[in-house]
Amino acid sequence: MRTFIQRLGALSLLLAFSMALVACGNKEAEQRTAFIAFLQTRVLDKPGLRVPTPTAEEKTSFGDYAQHYAVITDFNEGMNQSVSKPMGDVMAKGALRSISDLASRRDDLKAAKDGLGGLRAALDQQVAKADAAHAKLKQPDDLKQVYDKAYDKTVTTPAATFKEVFPALDTVFDSALAIGDFLEKNKSKIQVSGSSVTVTDPAVQAELNKMLQQLNGQSAAINAAQRKMQAMVRGS
């Protein structure tokens, strides 16, 4: 038979265990509150695209929720390394300074177009990775509402906006390559010197003018996509 002292000891342990659970619950609530405040004030309330790096003290205050924020920061770092920086190289290779580039730099244009395919695949991979990690997160409703808004602002919207550039670039590179082929095919009738073009055949002149007008219109689509991206980043 258990003595009164034994029963009292068991009760004390039970009470201590209950107190520990309450303490853990309070700690989680404090961490969640700190994380929600960070997302709201440092990400959502700021104009434009902002993905601030938490201080060591802030990360500690988030507890396990620091890993939830890592889903966002990992995506943005992955975007910078595998998409944004390589995009600069693609754009430099595909940059056109004069009509003569359309004929003399066809290899560069082809390389730039091929590079777009790799960038698109890299972006899709980064988005899929982030979405999968996001879907696995277990969050109380109050945190989930704020976190989902922050995720949309820092992951979903930037990725969707970036993707709008690819079709426009594809079309421009296709048109530029087509003009380069046209110039090569009709080189006996076309004299190109920098930005100056002399065409001896009126029919060839008309076709070339039409192709160049299309290219100019397509470049405007790229400029529009870039302006949209810049507005998203600045928040204006």
C-alpha atoms as a PDB file:
ATOM      1  CA  MET A   1       0.000   0.000   0.000  1.00  0.00           C
ATOM      2  CA  ARG A   2       1.328   3.421  -0.920  1.00  0.00           C
ATOM      3  CA  THR A   3       1.899   5.710   2.023  1.00  0.00           C
ATOM      4  CA  PHE A   4       0.618   9.242   2.305  1.00  0.00           C
ATOM      5  CA  ILE A   5       4.180  10.513   1.820  1.00  0.00           C
ATOM      6  CA  GLN A   6       4.528   8.482  -1.394  1.00  0.00           C
ATOM      7  CA  ARG A   7       1.214   9.827  -2.693  1.00  0.00           C
ATOM      8  CA  LEU A   8       2.204  13.367  -1.760  1.00  0.00           C
ATOM      9  CA  GLY A   9       5.522  12.923  -3.557  1.00  0.00           C
ATOM     10  CA  ALA A  10       3.752  11.679  -6.678  1.00  0.00           C
ATOM     11  CA  LEU A  11       1.364  14.633  -6.517  1.00  0.00           C
ATOM     12  CA  SER A  12       4.286  17.031  -6.189  1.00  0.00           C
ATOM     13  CA  LEU A  13       5.902  15.547  -9.278  1.00  0.00           C
ATOM     14  CA  LEU A  14       2.629  15.848 -11.167  1.00  0.00           C
ATOM     15  CA  LEU A  15       2.288  19.481 -10.136  1.00  0.00           C
ATOM     16  CA  ALA A  16       5.894  20.166 -11.131  1.00  0.00           C
ATOM     17  CA  PHE A  17       5.281  18.545 -14.517  1.00  0.00           C
ATOM     18  CA  SER A  18       2.160  20.670 -14.988  1.00  0.00           C
ATOM     19  CA  MET A  19       4.101  23.809 -14.108  1.00  0.00           C
ATOM     20  CA  ALA A  20       6.766  22.845 -16.659  1.00  0.00           C
ATOM     21  CA  LEU A  21       4.114  22.479 -19.346  1.00  0.00           C
ATOM     22  CA  VAL A  22       2.678  25.892 -18.506  1.00  0.00           C
ATOM     23  CA  ALA A  23       6.163  27.405 -18.622  1.00  0.00           C
ATOM     24  CA  CYS A  24       6.814  25.831 -22.043  1.00  0.00           C
ATOM     25  CA  GLY A  25       3.466  27.100 -23.272  1.00  0.00           C
ATOM     26  CA  ASN A  26       4.251  30.632 -22.157  1.00  0.00           C
ATOM     27  CA  LYS A  27       7.681  30.473 -23.817  1.00  0.00           C
ATOM     28  CA  GLU A  28       6.141  29.400 -27.117  1.00  0.00           C
ATOM     29  CA  ALA A  29       3.596  32.200 -26.898  1.00  0.00           C
ATOM     30  CA  GLU A  30       6.353  34.747 -26.287  1.00  0.00           C
ATOM     31  CA  GLN A  31       8.371  33.414 -29.225  1.00  0.00           C
ATOM     32  CA  ARG A  32       5.332  33.487 -31.474  1.00  0.00           C
ATOM     33  CA  THR A  33       4.497  37.053 -30.416  1.00  0.00           C
ATOM     34  CA  ALA A  34       8.064  38.169 -31.136  1.00  0.00           C
ATOM     35  CA  PHE A  35       8.038  36.491 -34.547  1.00  0.00           C
ATOM     36  CA  ILE A  36       4.649  37.949 -35.501  1.00  0.00           C
ATOM     37  CA  ALA A  37       5.820  41.431 -34.496  1.00  0.00           C
ATOM     38  CA  PHE A  38       8.974  41.028 -36.602  1.00  0.00           C
ATOM     39  CA  LEU A  39       7.029  39.906 -39.682  1.00  0.00           C
ATOM     40  CA  GLN A  40       4.484  42.679 -39.301  1.00  0.00           C
ATOM     41  CA  THR A  41       6.805  45.613 -38.580  1.00  0.00           C
ATOM     42  CA  ARG A  42       9.928  44.623 -40.505  1.00  0.00           C
ATOM     43  CA  VAL A  43       8.401  42.933 -43.574  1.00  0.00           C
ATOM     44  CA  LEU A  44       4.711  43.717 -44.081  1.00  0.00           C
ATOM     45  CA  ASP A  45       4.649  47.328 -42.890  1.00  0.00           C
ATOM     46  CA  LYS A  46       7.690  48.303 -44.960  1.00  0.00           C
ATOM     47  CA  PRO A  47       7.169  49.474 -48.561  1.00  0.00           C
ATOM     48  CA  GLY A  48       8.469  47.261 -51.319  1.00  0.00           C
ATOM     49  CA  LEU A  49      10.331  44.013 -51.041  1.00  0.00           C
ATOM     50  CA  ARG A  50      12.166  43.732 -47.722  1.00  0.00           C
ATOM     51  CA  VAL A  51      13.758  40.561 -46.362  1.00  0.00           C
ATOM     52  CA  PRO A  52      15.704  41.790 -43.323  1.00  0.00           C
ATOM     53  CA  THR A  53      18.247  39.578 -41.577  1.00  0.00           C
ATOM     54  CA  PRO A  54      17.306  39.055 -37.922  1.00  0.00           C
ATOM     55  CA  THR A  55      19.953  39.761 -35.317  1.00  0.00           C
ATOM     56  CA  ALA A  56      21.212  36.892 -33.171  1.00  0.00           C
ATOM     57  CA  GLU A  57      19.065  38.224 -30.333  1.00  0.00           C
ATOM     58  CA  GLU A  58      15.982  38.342 -32.537  1.00  0.00           C
ATOM     59  CA  LYS A  59      16.548  34.805 -33.803  1.00  0.00           C
ATOM     60  CA  THR A  60      16.815  33.604 -30.217  1.00  0.00           C
ATOM     61  CA  SER A  61      13.564  35.373 -29.364  1.00  0.00           C
ATOM     62  CA  PHE A  62      11.818  33.495 -32.218  1.00  0.00           C
ATOM     63  CA  GLY A  63      12.793  30.081 -30.870  1.00  0.00           C
ATOM     64  CA  ASP A  64      11.895  27.334 -33.334  1.00  0.00           C
ATOM     65  CA  TYR A  65      10.043  29.893 -35.451  1.00  0.00           C
ATOM     66  CA  ALA A  66      13.431  31.120 -36.679  1.00  0.00           C
ATOM     67  CA  GLN A  67      13.360  28.104 -39.002  1.00  0.00           C
ATOM     68  CA  HIS A  68      10.048  29.309 -40.400  1.00  0.00           C
ATOM     69  CA  TYR A  69      11.666  32.599 -41.382  1.00  0.00           C
ATOM     70  CA  ALA A  70      14.566  30.664 -42.900  1.00  0.00           C
ATOM     71  CA  VAL A  71      12.138  29.380 -45.552  1.00  0.00           C
ATOM     72  CA  ILE A  72      11.787  32.977 -46.764  1.00  0.00           C
ATOM     73  CA  THR A  73      15.464  33.947 -46.483  1.00  0.00           C
ATOM     74  CA  ASP A  74      16.631  30.702 -48.125  1.00  0.00           C
ATOM     75  CA  PHE A  75      14.355  31.375 -51.097  1.00  0.00           C
ATOM     76  CA  ASN A  76      15.632  34.911 -51.559  1.00  0.00           C
ATOM     77  CA  GLU A  77      19.251  33.839 -51.254  1.00  0.00           C
ATOM     78  CA  GLY A  78      18.632  31.036 -53.743  1.00  0.00           C
ATOM     79  CA  MET A  79      16.991  33.521 -56.120  1.00  0.00           C
ATOM     80  CA  ASN A  80      19.969  35.873 -55.904  1.00  0.00           C
ATOM     81  CA  GLN A  81      22.533  33.163 -56.545  1.00  0.00           C
ATOM     82  CA  SER A  82      20.788  31.032 -59.177  1.00  0.00           C
ATOM     83  CA  VAL A  83      18.567  33.544 -60.995  1.00  0.00           C
ATOM     84  CA  SER A  84      19.216  37.260 -60.380  1.00  0.00           C
ATOM     85  CA  LYS A  85      23.011  37.254 -60.717  1.00  0.00           C
ATOM     86  CA  PRO A  86      23.103  34.906 -63.758  1.00  0.00           C
ATOM     87  CA  MET A  87      20.363  37.032 -65.343  1.00  0.00           C
ATOM     88  CA  GLY A  88      22.845  39.919 -65.470  1.00  0.00           C
ATOM     89  CA  ASP A  89      25.221  37.771 -67.534  1.00  0.00           C
ATOM     90  CA  VAL A  90      22.421  36.741 -69.895  1.00  0.00           C
ATOM     91  CA  MET A  91      21.324  40.323 -70.417  1.00  0.00           C
ATOM     92  CA  ALA A  92      24.905  41.460 -71.054  1.00  0.00           C
ATOM     93  CA  LYS A  93      25.401  38.712 -73.632  1.00  0.00           C
ATOM     94  CA  GLY A  94      22.115  39.528 -75.337  1.00  0.00           C
ATOM     95  CA  ALA A  95      22.500  43.315 -75.269  1.00  0.00           C
ATOM     96  CA  LEU A  96      22.180  44.972 -78.682  1.00  0.00           C
ATOM     97  CA  ARG A  97      23.922  48.277 -79.313  1.00  0.00           C
ATOM     98  CA  SER A  98      23.385  48.600 -83.066  1.00  0.00           C
ATOM     99  CA  ILE A  99      21.782  46.805 -85.984  1.00  0.00           C
ATOM    100  CA  SER A 100      25.164  45.375 -86.929  1.00  0.00           C
ATOM    101  CA  ASP A 101      25.070  43.337 -83.690  1.00  0.00           C
ATOM    102  CA  LEU A 102      22.079  41.466 -85.082  1.00  0.00           C
ATOM    103  CA  ALA A 103      24.299  40.007 -87.761  1.00  0.00           C
ATOM    104  CA  SER A 104      27.672  39.779 -86.036  1.00  0.00           C
ATOM    105  CA  ARG A 105      26.593  38.557 -82.582  1.00  0.00           C
ATOM    106  CA  ARG A 106      24.159  35.799 -83.424  1.00  0.00           C
ATOM    107  CA  ASP A 107      26.123  33.263 -81.353  1.00  0.00           C
ATOM    108  CA  ASP A 108      25.851  35.509 -78.306  1.00  0.00           C
ATOM    109  CA  LEU A 109      22.118  35.910 -78.867  1.00  0.00           C
ATOM    110  CA  LYS A 110      21.656  32.149 -79.134  1.00  0.00           C
ATOM    111  CA  ALA A 111      23.649  31.636 -75.935  1.00  0.00           C
ATOM    112  CA  ALA A 112      21.541  34.256 -74.167  1.00  0.00           C
ATOM    113  CA  LYS A 113      18.317  32.591 -75.294  1.00  0.00           C
ATOM    114  CA  ASP A 114      19.568  29.177 -74.141  1.00  0.00           C
ATOM    115  CA  GLY A 115      20.586  30.713 -70.819  1.00  0.00           C
ATOM    116  CA  LEU A 116      17.011  31.855 -70.242  1.00  0.00           C
ATOM    117  CA  GLY A 117      15.856  28.246 -70.186  1.00  0.00           C
ATOM    118  CA  GLY A 118      18.281  27.455 -67.375  1.00  0.00           C
ATOM    119  CA  LEU A 119      17.190  30.508 -65.389  1.00  0.00           C
ATOM    120  CA  ARG A 120      13.529  29.635 -65.752  1.00  0.00           C
ATOM    121  CA  ALA A 121      14.220  26.101 -64.507  1.00  0.00           C
ATOM    122  CA  ALA A 122      16.239  27.460 -61.575  1.00  0.00           C
ATOM    123  CA  LEU A 123      13.422  29.830 -60.601  1.00  0.00           C
ATOM    124  CA  ASP A 124      10.833  27.046 -60.772  1.00  0.00           C
ATOM    125  CA  GLN A 125      13.082  24.885 -58.585  1.00  0.00           C
ATOM    126  CA  GLN A 126      13.497  27.617 -55.969  1.00  0.00           C
ATOM    127  CA  VAL A 127       9.743  28.262 -55.856  1.00  0.00           C
ATOM    128  CA  ALA A 128       8.915  24.554 -55.582  1.00  0.00           C
ATOM    129  CA  LYS A 129      11.421  24.117 -52.758  1.00  0.00           C
ATOM    130  CA  ALA A 130      10.049  27.093 -50.830  1.00  0.00           C
ATOM    131  CA  ASP A 131       6.402  26.089 -51.390  1.00  0.00           C
ATOM    132  CA  ALA A 132       7.105  22.555 -50.162  1.00  0.00           C
ATOM    133  CA  ALA A 133       8.795  23.867 -47.011  1.00  0.00           C
ATOM    134  CA  HIS A 134       5.962  26.355 -46.466  1.00  0.00           C
ATOM    135  CA  ALA A 135       3.336  23.632 -46.734  1.00  0.00           C
ATOM    136  CA  LYS A 136       5.028  21.601 -43.985  1.00  0.00           C
ATOM    137  CA  LEU A 137       5.034  24.406 -41.425  1.00  0.00           C
ATOM    138  CA  LYS A 138       2.790  23.918 -38.392  1.00  0.00           C
ATOM    139  CA  GLN A 139       1.595  27.301 -37.173  1.00  0.00           C
ATOM    140  CA  PRO A 140      -1.148  28.590 -34.873  1.00  0.00           C
ATOM    141  CA  ASP A 141      -3.806  30.573 -36.704  1.00  0.00           C
ATOM    142  CA  ASP A 142      -2.642  34.002 -35.516  1.00  0.00           C
ATOM    143  CA  LEU A 143       0.883  33.377 -36.813  1.00  0.00           C
ATOM    144  CA  LYS A 144      -0.262  31.657 -39.989  1.00  0.00           C
ATOM    145  CA  GLN A 145      -2.322  34.671 -41.070  1.00  0.00           C
ATOM    146  CA  VAL A 146       0.654  37.021 -40.762  1.00  0.00           C
ATOM    147  CA  TYR A 147       3.238  34.555 -42.073  1.00  0.00           C
ATOM    148  CA  ASP A 148       1.215  33.728 -45.192  1.00  0.00           C
ATOM    149  CA  LYS A 149       1.008  37.431 -46.053  1.00  0.00           C
ATOM    150  CA  ALA A 150       4.761  37.821 -45.549  1.00  0.00           C
ATOM    151  CA  TYR A 151       5.409  34.717 -47.656  1.00  0.00           C
ATOM    152  CA  ASP A 152       3.249  36.051 -50.467  1.00  0.00           C
ATOM    153  CA  LYS A 153       5.060  39.398 -50.372  1.00  0.00           C
ATOM    154  CA  THR A 154       8.599  37.976 -50.253  1.00  0.00           C
ATOM    155  CA  VAL A 155       8.295  34.737 -52.236  1.00  0.00           C
ATOM    156  CA  THR A 156       5.144  34.280 -54.325  1.00  0.00           C
ATOM    157  CA  THR A 157       4.781  37.815 -55.735  1.00  0.00           C
ATOM    158  CA  PRO A 158       8.486  38.376 -56.565  1.00  0.00           C
ATOM    159  CA  ALA A 159       8.706  35.001 -58.297  1.00  0.00           C
ATOM    160  CA  ALA A 160       5.536  35.630 -60.340  1.00  0.00           C
ATOM    161  CA  THR A 161       6.732  39.119 -61.316  1.00  0.00           C
ATOM    162  CA  PHE A 162      10.157  37.819 -62.313  1.00  0.00           C
ATOM    163  CA  LYS A 163       8.563  35.142 -64.477  1.00  0.00           C
ATOM    164  CA  GLU A 164       6.812  37.807 -66.544  1.00  0.00           C
ATOM    165  CA  VAL A 165      10.179  38.868 -67.965  1.00  0.00           C
ATOM    166  CA  PHE A 166      10.964  35.485 -69.526  1.00  0.00           C
ATOM    167  CA  PRO A 167       8.318  35.380 -72.302  1.00  0.00           C
ATOM    168  CA  ALA A 168       9.170  38.936 -73.349  1.00  0.00           C
ATOM    169  CA  LEU A 169      12.903  38.150 -73.471  1.00  0.00           C
ATOM    170  CA  ASP A 170      12.261  34.937 -75.394  1.00  0.00           C
ATOM    171  CA  THR A 171      10.290  36.838 -78.013  1.00  0.00           C
ATOM    172  CA  VAL A 172      12.951  39.542 -78.344  1.00  0.00           C
ATOM    173  CA  PHE A 173      15.766  37.034 -78.753  1.00  0.00           C
ATOM    174  CA  ASP A 174      13.733  35.082 -81.330  1.00  0.00           C
ATOM    175  CA  SER A 175      13.083  38.252 -83.324  1.00  0.00           C
ATOM    176  CA  ALA A 176      16.691  39.399 -83.062  1.00  0.00           C
ATOM    177  CA  LEU A 177      17.923  36.026 -84.298  1.00  0.00           C
ATOM    178  CA  ALA A 178      15.410  36.086 -87.155  1.00  0.00           C
ATOM    179  CA  ILE A 179      16.660  39.527 -88.207  1.00  0.00           C
ATOM    180  CA  GLY A 180      20.250  38.317 -88.017  1.00  0.00           C
ATOM    181  CA  ASP A 181      19.384  35.397 -90.289  1.00  0.00           C
ATOM    182  CA  PHE A 182      17.560  37.754 -92.640  1.00  0.00           C
ATOM    183  CA  LEU A 183      20.579  40.077 -92.831  1.00  0.00           C
ATOM    184  CA  GLU A 184      22.875  37.149 -93.536  1.00  0.00           C
ATOM    185  CA  LYS A 185      20.551  35.752 -96.199  1.00  0.00           C
ATOM    186  CA  ASN A 186      20.294  39.131 -97.956  1.00  0.00           C
ATOM    187  CA  LYS A 187      23.807  40.430 -97.312  1.00  0.00           C
ATOM    188  CA  SER A 188      24.310  41.112-101.018  1.00  0.00           C
ATOM    189  CA  LYS A 189      21.450  43.629-100.876  1.00  0.00           C
ATOM    190  CA  ILE A 190      22.094  45.096 -97.419  1.00  0.00           C
ATOM    191  CA  GLN A 191      25.037  47.204 -96.298  1.00  0.00           C
ATOM    192  CA  VAL A 192      25.317  47.662 -92.535  1.00  0.00           C
ATOM    193  CA  SER A 193      27.745  50.063 -90.914  1.00  0.00           C
ATOM    194  CA  GLY A 194      27.098  50.626 -87.197  1.00  0.00           C
ATOM    195  CA  SER A 195      23.612  52.074 -86.943  1.00  0.00           C
ATOM    196  CA  SER A 196      23.491  52.914 -90.651  1.00  0.00           C
ATOM    197  CA  VAL A 197      21.742  50.523 -93.060  1.00  0.00           C
ATOM    198  CA  THR A 198      21.605  50.767 -96.847  1.00  0.00           C
ATOM    199  CA  VAL A 199      19.279  48.422 -98.756  1.00  0.00           C
ATOM    200  CA  THR A 200      19.272  48.169-102.532  1.00  0.00           C
ATOM    201  CA  ASP A 201      16.075  46.111-102.888  1.00  0.00           C
ATOM    202  CA  PRO A 202      12.776  47.839-101.952  1.00  0.00           C
ATOM    203  CA  ALA A 203      11.109  44.532-101.072  1.00  0.00           C
ATOM    204  CA  VAL A 204      13.960  43.612 -98.744  1.00  0.00           C
ATOM    205  CA  GLN A 205      13.840  47.125 -97.269  1.00  0.00           C
ATOM    206  CA  ALA A 206      10.133  46.788 -96.517  1.00  0.00           C
ATOM    207  CA  GLU A 207      10.555  43.380 -94.874  1.00  0.00           C
ATOM    208  CA  LEU A 208      13.513  44.553 -92.810  1.00  0.00           C
ATOM    209  CA  ASN A 209      11.604  47.631 -91.631  1.00  0.00           C
ATOM    210  CA  LYS A 210       8.699  45.439 -90.565  1.00  0.00           C
ATOM    211  CA  MET A 211      10.972  43.122 -88.586  1.00  0.00           C
ATOM    212  CA  LEU A 212      12.754  46.014 -86.894  1.00  0.00           C
ATOM    213  CA  GLN A 213       9.442  47.610 -85.900  1.00  0.00           C
ATOM    214  CA  GLN A 214       8.333  44.330 -84.333  1.00  0.00           C
ATOM    215  CA  LEU A 215      11.602  44.116 -82.416  1.00  0.00           C
ATOM    216  CA  ASN A 216      11.166  47.643 -81.077  1.00  0.00           C
ATOM    217  CA  GLY A 217       7.635  46.827 -79.924  1.00  0.00           C
ATOM    218  CA  GLN A 218       8.811  43.684 -78.178  1.00  0.00           C
ATOM    219  CA  SER A 219      11.567  45.606 -76.392  1.00  0.00           C
ATOM    220  CA  ALA A 220       8.856  47.843 -74.972  1.00  0.00           C
ATOM    221  CA  ALA A 221       7.271  44.754 -73.377  1.00  0.00           C
ATOM    222  CA  ILE A 222      10.554  43.993 -71.617  1.00  0.00           C
ATOM    223  CA  ASN A 223      10.799  47.556 -70.374  1.00  0.00           C
ATOM    224  CA  ALA A 224       7.247  47.318 -69.018  1.00  0.00           C
ATOM    225  CA  ALA A 225       8.057  44.069 -67.186  1.00  0.00           C
ATOM    226  CA  GLN A 226      11.207  45.596 -65.737  1.00  0.00           C
ATOM    227  CA  ARG A 227       9.295  48.664 -64.545  1.00  0.00           C
ATOM    228  CA  LYS A 228       6.759  46.408 -62.846  1.00  0.00           C
ATOM    229  CA  MET A 229       9.555  44.510 -61.125  1.00  0.00           C
ATOM    230  CA  GLN A 230      11.238  47.720 -59.977  1.00  0.00           C
ATOM    231  CA  ALA A 231       7.913  49.031 -58.640  1.00  0.00           C
ATOM    232  CA  MET A 232       7.411  45.797 -56.714  1.00  0.00           C
ATOM    233  CA  VAL A 233      10.896  46.059 -55.183  1.00  0.00           C
ATOM    234  CA  ARG A 234      10.527  49.755 -54.308  1.00  0.00           C
ATOM    235  CA  GLY A 235       6.903  49.531 -53.301  1.00  0.00           C
ATOM    236  CA  SER A 236       5.760  52.344 -55.557  1.00  0.00           C
END
